[in-house]
Amino acid sequence: MAALAHRLDEDDHLTDADFRRISALISRQVGIKLPPTKRLMVEGRLRRRLRALDLPGFSDYADYLFRQDGLESEITFLINAVTTNKTDFFREPEHFELMHKQLVADLIERRQERMPLLKVWSAASSTGAEAYTIAMVLADMAAQRRDFRFAVLGTDISTDVLETGRRAIYPAELVMPVPPGMQSRYLMHARRPGARPDIRIVPELRRLVRFDQLNLMDTNYPYDRDVDIIFLRNVLIYFEKADQAAVISRLVGHLRPGGYLLLGHSESMVGTSITMRQVAPAVFQKT
């Protein structure tokens, strides 16, 4: 009987109408496009949610979501299930090299003040790998230069990935791109590693990184308007063009004059509409 139940579960699918309704809902709520090619992915991720809710099939889930007023209590879980959270430490390393060699020095020179606080925002932080990569690079630079302080903000729509960022515990294989010197300075290994060894970011670095939930589709962002660098990488590709432009406009409003916006290399065409000075591939400076 258990085997039959498993087979029936795998044979159950979202109807075309229900998939379209869920896609439209996600697009309105968080701006993410879910074309028909994503249907199997959505079904695969929602099967676990059906089991958690003890629902027999997708039609029952759609009924709960749209016709039984379950949306308010379910929307966070639905967003967590369908959002893509691909991330790596030192992903697209050219941006971190540029930050080290050029951007930070330029920002400090423009400030002309003693020990300025540089504010860096990872605006689609996922599980925190990007935010902690930024913090590692800046911590090394701050120790060498001794002429600036820094703070890193990571934001994302998914509560699940934000909790991972706050815990700062990652599989050991995920941190392999981190240079050996930084691994020794900023990563802690479990004293008694289990079958799958994990590492944790050192507390000295965790204290400099904060994580908040933010929906980029919100019309206002409750953050400072003197941010020095904003990383907005590999998220706009999931948005419609009008939403891309709106998100960029809102984020640029939070940059100080001379601040930098960094997009993902796959989003280079998005940058063609930005009225900022381009200083490197997918890197723009507010004038």
Protein backbone atom coordinates (compact mmCIF):
# COMPACT_ATOMS: atom_id res chain seq x y z
CA MET A 1 0.00 0.00 0.00
CA ALA A 2 2.83 2.43 0.83
CA ALA A 3 4.38 1.83 -2.57
CA LEU A 4 1.06 2.46 -4.30
CA ALA A 5 0.56 5.71 -2.37
CA HIS A 6 4.03 6.85 -3.44
CA ARG A 7 3.26 6.06 -7.09
CA LEU A 8 -0.04 7.88 -6.97
CA ASP A 9 1.67 10.89 -5.37
CA GLU A 10 4.25 11.04 -8.16
CA ASP A 11 1.54 10.74 -10.80
CA ASP A 12 -0.40 13.71 -9.41
CA HIS A 13 0.19 17.07 -11.14
CA LEU A 14 -0.94 20.67 -11.03
CA THR A 15 -3.65 21.47 -13.56
CA ASP A 16 -2.83 24.08 -16.18
CA ALA A 17 -5.24 26.50 -14.53
CA ASP A 18 -3.78 26.03 -11.04
CA PHE A 19 -0.19 26.39 -12.29
CA ARG A 20 -1.14 29.64 -14.06
CA ARG A 21 -2.76 30.96 -10.88
CA ILE A 22 0.28 30.12 -8.78
CA SER A 23 2.59 31.66 -11.40
CA ALA A 24 0.54 34.85 -11.49
CA LEU A 25 0.49 34.99 -7.69
CA ILE A 26 4.28 34.65 -7.42
CA SER A 27 4.79 37.25 -10.14
CA ARG A 28 2.56 39.76 -8.32
CA GLN A 29 4.07 39.06 -4.92
CA VAL A 30 7.80 38.90 -5.65
CA GLY A 31 8.24 39.68 -9.37
CA ILE A 32 9.60 36.25 -10.28
CA LYS A 33 8.55 34.70 -13.59
CA LEU A 34 7.49 31.05 -13.55
CA PRO A 35 7.09 30.05 -17.22
CA PRO A 36 5.62 26.65 -18.17
CA THR A 37 9.15 25.20 -18.33
CA LYS A 38 9.33 25.63 -14.53
CA ARG A 39 6.22 23.58 -13.89
CA LEU A 40 7.97 20.31 -12.97
CA MET A 41 10.32 22.20 -10.68
CA VAL A 42 7.39 23.85 -8.89
CA GLU A 43 5.59 20.53 -8.52
CA GLY A 44 8.71 18.85 -7.14
CA ARG A 45 9.21 21.54 -4.52
CA LEU A 46 5.55 21.69 -3.54
CA ARG A 47 5.24 17.92 -2.98
CA ARG A 48 7.09 18.33 0.32
CA ARG A 49 4.68 21.10 1.26
CA LEU A 50 1.69 18.88 0.50
CA ARG A 51 3.08 16.26 2.86
CA ALA A 52 3.65 18.86 5.57
CA LEU A 53 0.03 20.01 5.25
CA ASP A 54 -1.23 16.41 5.01
CA LEU A 55 -2.98 17.15 1.71
CA PRO A 56 -3.60 14.27 -0.71
CA GLY A 57 -2.93 16.15 -3.96
CA PHE A 58 -2.23 19.38 -5.83
CA SER A 59 -5.92 20.11 -6.41
CA ASP A 60 -6.42 20.09 -2.63
CA TYR A 61 -3.47 22.47 -2.22
CA ALA A 62 -4.86 24.87 -4.82
CA ASP A 63 -8.27 24.67 -3.14
CA TYR A 64 -6.67 25.49 0.23
CA LEU A 65 -4.60 28.32 -1.27
CA PHE A 66 -7.22 30.09 -3.36
CA ARG A 67 -10.62 29.05 -2.10
CA GLN A 68 -10.24 28.37 1.62
CA ASP A 69 -8.46 31.60 2.62
CA GLY A 70 -5.19 29.79 3.19
CA LEU A 71 -3.14 32.31 1.23
CA GLU A 72 -2.31 34.60 4.15
CA SER A 73 -0.84 31.80 6.25
CA GLU A 74 0.69 29.93 3.31
CA ILE A 75 2.31 32.67 1.20
CA THR A 76 5.65 32.60 3.07
CA PHE A 77 5.95 28.82 2.66
CA LEU A 78 4.97 29.05 -1.02
CA ILE A 79 7.61 31.73 -1.71
CA ASN A 80 10.25 29.71 0.13
CA ALA A 81 9.34 26.66 -1.97
CA VAL A 82 9.46 28.20 -5.44
CA THR A 83 12.27 30.75 -5.19
CA THR A 84 15.63 29.74 -6.66
CA ASN A 85 18.54 30.16 -4.25
CA LYS A 86 21.64 29.36 -6.28
CA THR A 87 24.65 30.88 -4.54
CA ASP A 88 28.35 30.28 -4.00
CA PHE A 89 31.23 31.82 -2.15
CA PHE A 90 33.31 34.04 -4.47
CA ARG A 91 30.84 33.61 -7.32
CA GLU A 92 31.89 35.78 -10.30
CA PRO A 93 35.21 36.58 -8.55
CA GLU A 94 36.06 39.47 -10.86
CA HIS A 95 33.70 41.70 -8.88
CA PHE A 96 35.46 40.96 -5.61
CA GLU A 97 38.85 41.60 -7.21
CA LEU A 98 37.55 44.94 -8.49
CA MET A 99 36.20 45.83 -5.05
CA HIS A 100 39.62 45.03 -3.57
CA LYS A 101 41.73 46.80 -6.18
CA GLN A 102 39.61 49.84 -7.05
CA LEU A 103 36.18 50.39 -5.56
CA VAL A 104 37.03 50.58 -1.86
CA ALA A 105 40.00 52.89 -2.40
CA ASP A 106 37.87 55.22 -4.54
CA LEU A 107 35.07 55.30 -1.98
CA ILE A 108 37.45 56.09 0.91
CA GLU A 109 39.14 58.86 -1.06
CA ARG A 110 35.79 60.44 -1.86
CA ARG A 111 34.73 60.43 1.78
CA GLN A 112 37.70 62.45 3.03
CA GLU A 113 36.96 61.57 6.64
CA ARG A 114 38.70 59.59 9.34
CA MET A 115 37.72 55.89 9.48
CA PRO A 116 34.58 56.11 7.31
CA LEU A 117 31.98 53.37 7.63
CA LEU A 118 31.52 51.63 4.28
CA LYS A 119 28.05 50.16 3.84
CA VAL A 120 27.67 47.23 1.45
CA TRP A 121 24.33 45.63 0.59
CA SER A 122 23.81 42.15 -0.84
CA ALA A 123 20.30 42.72 -2.18
CA ALA A 124 19.55 39.10 -3.11
CA SER A 125 21.66 37.39 -0.49
CA SER A 126 20.17 33.89 -0.58
CA THR A 127 21.90 31.76 2.09
CA GLY A 128 24.53 34.41 2.76
CA ALA A 129 27.51 33.19 0.74
CA GLU A 130 27.77 36.49 -1.14
CA ALA A 131 27.40 38.61 1.99
CA TYR A 132 30.09 36.68 3.83
CA THR A 133 32.38 36.76 0.79
CA ILE A 134 32.05 40.56 0.81
CA ALA A 135 32.80 40.60 4.53
CA MET A 136 35.91 38.43 4.13
CA VAL A 137 37.34 40.69 1.42
CA LEU A 138 36.60 43.85 3.39
CA ALA A 139 37.91 42.39 6.66
CA ASP A 140 41.24 41.60 5.02
CA MET A 141 41.40 45.08 3.52
CA ALA A 142 40.43 46.80 6.78
CA ALA A 143 43.16 44.89 8.64
CA GLN A 144 45.75 45.96 6.06
CA ARG A 145 44.67 49.56 5.47
CA ARG A 146 43.37 50.46 8.94
CA ASP A 147 41.54 53.47 7.50
CA PHE A 148 37.89 52.32 7.25
CA ARG A 149 35.17 50.30 8.94
CA PHE A 150 32.44 48.35 7.23
CA ALA A 151 29.01 46.80 7.66
CA VAL A 152 27.26 44.32 5.36
CA LEU A 153 23.50 43.94 4.91
CA GLY A 154 22.02 40.85 3.28
CA THR A 155 18.37 40.83 2.20
CA ASP A 156 16.17 38.21 0.59
CA ILE A 157 12.50 37.33 0.27
CA SER A 158 12.94 33.76 1.53
CA THR A 159 12.84 33.29 5.29
CA ASP A 160 14.50 29.87 4.96
CA VAL A 161 17.68 31.16 3.33
CA LEU A 162 17.85 34.14 5.68
CA GLU A 163 17.88 31.78 8.64
CA THR A 164 20.76 29.89 7.02
CA GLY A 165 22.64 33.16 6.65
CA ARG A 166 22.10 34.04 10.29
CA ARG A 167 23.29 30.61 11.45
CA ALA A 168 26.26 30.88 9.05
CA ILE A 169 26.74 27.10 8.93
CA TYR A 170 27.57 25.62 5.52
CA PRO A 171 28.65 22.28 4.03
CA ALA A 172 32.42 22.15 3.83
CA GLU A 173 32.34 21.61 0.06
CA LEU A 174 30.48 24.90 -0.44
CA VAL A 175 33.41 26.94 0.93
CA MET A 176 36.02 25.36 -1.33
CA PRO A 177 36.26 28.55 -3.49
CA VAL A 178 37.34 30.54 -0.41
CA PRO A 179 41.14 31.10 -0.59
CA PRO A 180 43.10 29.01 1.96
CA GLY A 181 44.28 32.04 3.93
CA MET A 182 40.72 33.30 4.35
CA GLN A 183 39.55 29.82 5.30
CA SER A 184 42.02 29.78 8.18
CA ARG A 185 41.01 33.27 9.33
CA TYR A 186 37.24 33.22 8.88
CA LEU A 187 36.00 29.62 9.01
CA MET A 188 35.59 27.27 11.98
CA HIS A 189 35.49 23.49 11.61
CA ALA A 190 33.49 21.23 13.88
CA ARG A 191 35.62 19.53 16.53
CA ARG A 192 33.84 16.27 15.85
CA PRO A 193 32.79 16.36 12.20
CA GLY A 194 29.93 14.09 11.24
CA ALA A 195 29.29 12.18 8.04
CA ARG A 196 28.92 15.51 6.21
CA PRO A 197 31.41 17.99 7.66
CA ASP A 198 30.14 21.54 8.15
CA ILE A 199 31.92 24.82 8.77
CA ARG A 200 30.77 28.03 10.44
CA ILE A 201 31.72 31.65 9.84
CA VAL A 202 33.71 33.02 12.78
CA PRO A 203 31.72 35.23 15.20
CA GLU A 204 33.95 38.25 14.56
CA LEU A 205 32.73 38.27 10.95
CA ARG A 206 29.14 37.31 11.72
CA ARG A 207 28.81 40.41 13.89
CA LEU A 208 29.52 42.60 10.85
CA VAL A 209 26.81 41.02 8.66
CA ARG A 210 23.07 41.51 9.21
CA PHE A 211 20.22 39.73 7.42
CA ASP A 212 16.72 41.11 6.84
CA GLN A 213 13.71 39.98 4.84
CA LEU A 214 12.95 42.24 1.89
CA ASN A 215 10.67 41.90 -1.10
CA LEU A 216 12.34 43.74 -4.00
CA MET A 217 8.84 44.38 -5.39
CA ASP A 218 8.01 46.64 -2.43
CA THR A 219 7.73 50.28 -3.44
CA ASN A 220 9.97 51.43 -0.58
CA TYR A 221 12.97 49.85 1.10
CA PRO A 222 13.48 50.69 4.80
CA TYR A 223 17.25 51.19 4.60
CA ASP A 224 19.83 53.96 4.54
CA ARG A 225 20.30 56.10 1.45
CA ASP A 226 24.06 56.39 1.76
CA VAL A 227 25.05 52.84 0.81
CA ASP A 228 28.47 52.57 -0.83
CA ILE A 229 28.12 49.33 -2.82
CA ILE A 230 25.05 47.29 -3.76
CA PHE A 231 25.37 43.77 -5.13
CA LEU A 232 22.27 42.82 -7.15
CA ARG A 233 23.51 39.79 -8.99
CA ASN A 234 21.69 36.98 -10.78
CA VAL A 235 18.19 37.85 -9.63
CA LEU A 236 16.92 40.32 -12.26
CA ILE A 237 16.98 37.58 -14.89
CA TYR A 238 13.86 36.19 -13.19
CA PHE A 239 11.97 39.51 -13.45
CA GLU A 240 9.96 41.16 -16.20
CA LYS A 241 11.66 44.17 -17.85
CA ALA A 242 9.40 46.73 -16.19
CA ASP A 243 10.08 45.20 -12.77
CA GLN A 244 13.81 45.11 -13.49
CA ALA A 245 13.83 48.85 -14.17
CA ALA A 246 11.75 49.62 -11.07
CA VAL A 247 13.97 47.57 -8.77
CA ILE A 248 17.14 49.15 -10.14
CA SER A 249 15.68 52.63 -9.78
CA ARG A 250 14.75 52.01 -6.14
CA LEU A 251 18.14 50.56 -5.28
CA VAL A 252 20.08 53.34 -6.99
CA GLY A 253 18.13 55.74 -4.77
CA HIS A 254 19.87 54.12 -1.79
CA LEU A 255 23.38 54.67 -3.16
CA ARG A 256 25.44 57.65 -2.08
CA PRO A 257 26.92 59.77 -4.93
CA GLY A 258 29.91 57.85 -6.23
CA GLY A 259 28.49 54.55 -4.97
CA TYR A 260 28.51 51.39 -7.05
CA LEU A 261 25.87 48.96 -8.31
CA LEU A 262 27.05 45.48 -9.33
CA LEU A 263 24.87 43.22 -11.48
CA GLY A 264 25.45 39.60 -12.47
CA HIS A 265 27.41 39.01 -15.66
CA SER A 266 24.37 37.21 -17.10
CA GLU A 267 22.42 40.46 -16.65
CA SER A 268 24.69 42.67 -18.75
CA MET A 269 21.84 43.56 -21.12
CA VAL A 270 19.79 44.80 -18.17
CA GLY A 271 22.52 47.36 -17.53
CA THR A 272 22.08 49.00 -20.93
CA SER A 273 19.12 50.97 -19.57
CA ILE A 274 20.90 52.24 -16.43
CA THR A 275 21.71 55.94 -16.47
CA MET A 276 24.95 55.48 -14.53
CA ARG A 277 28.59 55.43 -15.52
CA GLN A 278 29.77 51.94 -16.40
CA VAL A 279 33.23 51.27 -14.94
CA ALA A 280 33.56 47.54 -15.67
CA PRO A 281 31.41 44.70 -17.03
CA ALA A 282 28.12 44.79 -15.06
CA VAL A 283 29.53 47.45 -12.67
CA PHE A 284 27.99 50.94 -12.56
CA GLN A 285 28.80 54.09 -10.60
CA LYS A 286 26.29 56.68 -9.46
CA THR A 287 27.40 60.16 -10.52
